[in-house]
Amino acid sequence: MIFVKEEEMKADSRQQGATLTSTIFVVLIAGFALSTAFKIGPHYLDNRIIAGAIKQVGQTGIKDKSSAEIRRKIADFLLSTMSEM
């Protein structure tokens, strides 16, 4: 019993925290992930807004509308969406 406890104590005294290299590696990976999120995030949100505008305009029966009327509907949707933000 005493022998087991001494071995456990030796194992505990040899354990150390993260090395400088592993800490730098984790920071680089986290930085890369954040950088990617900040670069892709705005494009993703823009795509969702535009897709919503096209879907809404498509549901209003645009077959007999002129190009100017379709553009105005899209602009109105985008302006209302931007004012909500």
Protein backbone atom coordinates (compact mmCIF):
# COMPACT_ATOMS: atom_id res chain seq x y z
CA MET A 1 0.00 0.00 0.00
CA ILE A 2 2.75 2.43 0.90
CA PHE A 3 4.67 1.48 -2.23
CA VAL A 4 1.70 2.44 -4.45
CA LYS A 5 1.35 5.83 -2.81
CA GLU A 6 5.04 6.60 -3.32
CA GLU A 7 4.74 5.74 -7.03
CA GLU A 8 1.66 7.98 -7.35
CA MET A 9 3.51 10.83 -5.67
CA LYS A 10 6.45 10.42 -8.05
CA ALA A 11 4.11 10.47 -11.04
CA ASP A 12 2.40 13.63 -9.75
CA SER A 13 5.71 15.41 -9.22
CA ARG A 14 6.76 14.69 -12.83
CA GLN A 15 3.60 16.16 -14.35
CA GLN A 16 3.93 19.64 -15.75
CA GLY A 17 1.73 22.10 -17.59
CA ALA A 18 1.69 22.92 -21.28
CA THR A 19 4.97 23.78 -22.91
CA LEU A 20 5.60 27.09 -24.64
CA THR A 21 5.49 25.39 -28.03
CA SER A 22 2.08 23.81 -27.42
CA THR A 23 0.71 27.10 -26.07
CA ILE A 24 1.88 28.97 -29.18
CA PHE A 25 0.38 26.26 -31.37
CA VAL A 26 -3.02 26.55 -29.64
CA VAL A 27 -2.94 30.35 -29.92
CA LEU A 28 -2.12 30.14 -33.64
CA ILE A 29 -4.95 27.68 -34.30
CA ALA A 30 -7.42 29.85 -32.35
CA GLY A 31 -6.22 32.96 -34.20
CA PHE A 32 -6.65 31.25 -37.55
CA ALA A 33 -10.19 30.15 -36.64
CA LEU A 34 -11.17 33.66 -35.51
CA SER A 35 -9.61 35.26 -38.57
CA THR A 36 -11.49 32.90 -40.85
CA ALA A 37 -14.78 33.54 -39.02
CA PHE A 38 -14.35 37.32 -39.29
CA LYS A 39 -13.60 37.07 -43.01
CA ILE A 40 -16.38 34.64 -43.94
CA GLY A 41 -19.09 35.85 -41.54
CA PRO A 42 -20.08 39.07 -43.36
CA HIS A 43 -20.30 37.29 -46.72
CA TYR A 44 -22.51 34.62 -45.20
CA LEU A 45 -24.86 37.22 -43.72
CA ASP A 46 -25.02 39.18 -46.98
CA ASN A 47 -25.90 36.01 -48.86
CA ARG A 48 -28.74 35.21 -46.45
CA ILE A 49 -30.18 38.72 -46.78
CA ILE A 50 -30.05 38.68 -50.57
CA ALA A 51 -31.52 35.18 -50.73
CA GLY A 52 -34.38 36.35 -48.50
CA ALA A 53 -35.03 39.33 -50.78
CA ILE A 54 -35.12 37.17 -53.88
CA LYS A 55 -37.41 34.64 -52.19
CA GLN A 56 -39.84 37.33 -51.05
CA VAL A 57 -39.91 39.04 -54.44
CA GLY A 58 -40.39 35.68 -56.14
CA GLN A 59 -43.47 34.97 -54.03
CA THR A 60 -45.21 38.21 -55.08
CA GLY A 61 -45.89 37.19 -58.68
CA ILE A 62 -43.28 39.03 -60.73
CA LYS A 63 -44.10 37.56 -64.13
CA ASP A 64 -46.05 40.62 -65.24
CA LYS A 65 -43.79 43.20 -63.51
CA SER A 66 -41.20 45.35 -65.22
CA SER A 67 -37.50 45.25 -64.33
CA ALA A 68 -37.80 48.61 -62.58
CA GLU A 69 -40.63 47.33 -60.36
CA ILE A 70 -38.66 44.22 -59.46
CA ARG A 71 -35.60 46.30 -58.60
CA ARG A 72 -37.73 48.62 -56.46
CA LYS A 73 -39.20 45.66 -54.54
CA ILE A 74 -35.72 44.25 -53.88
CA ALA A 75 -34.44 47.68 -52.82
CA ASP A 76 -37.40 48.17 -50.49
CA PHE A 77 -36.79 44.75 -48.90
CA LEU A 78 -33.10 45.44 -48.44
CA LEU A 79 -33.74 48.90 -46.98
CA SER A 80 -36.31 47.52 -44.52
CA THR A 81 -33.93 44.72 -43.55
CA MET A 82 -31.04 47.12 -42.99
CA SER A 83 -33.18 49.48 -40.90
CA GLU A 84 -34.07 46.57 -38.57
CA MET A 85 -30.40 45.89 -37.81
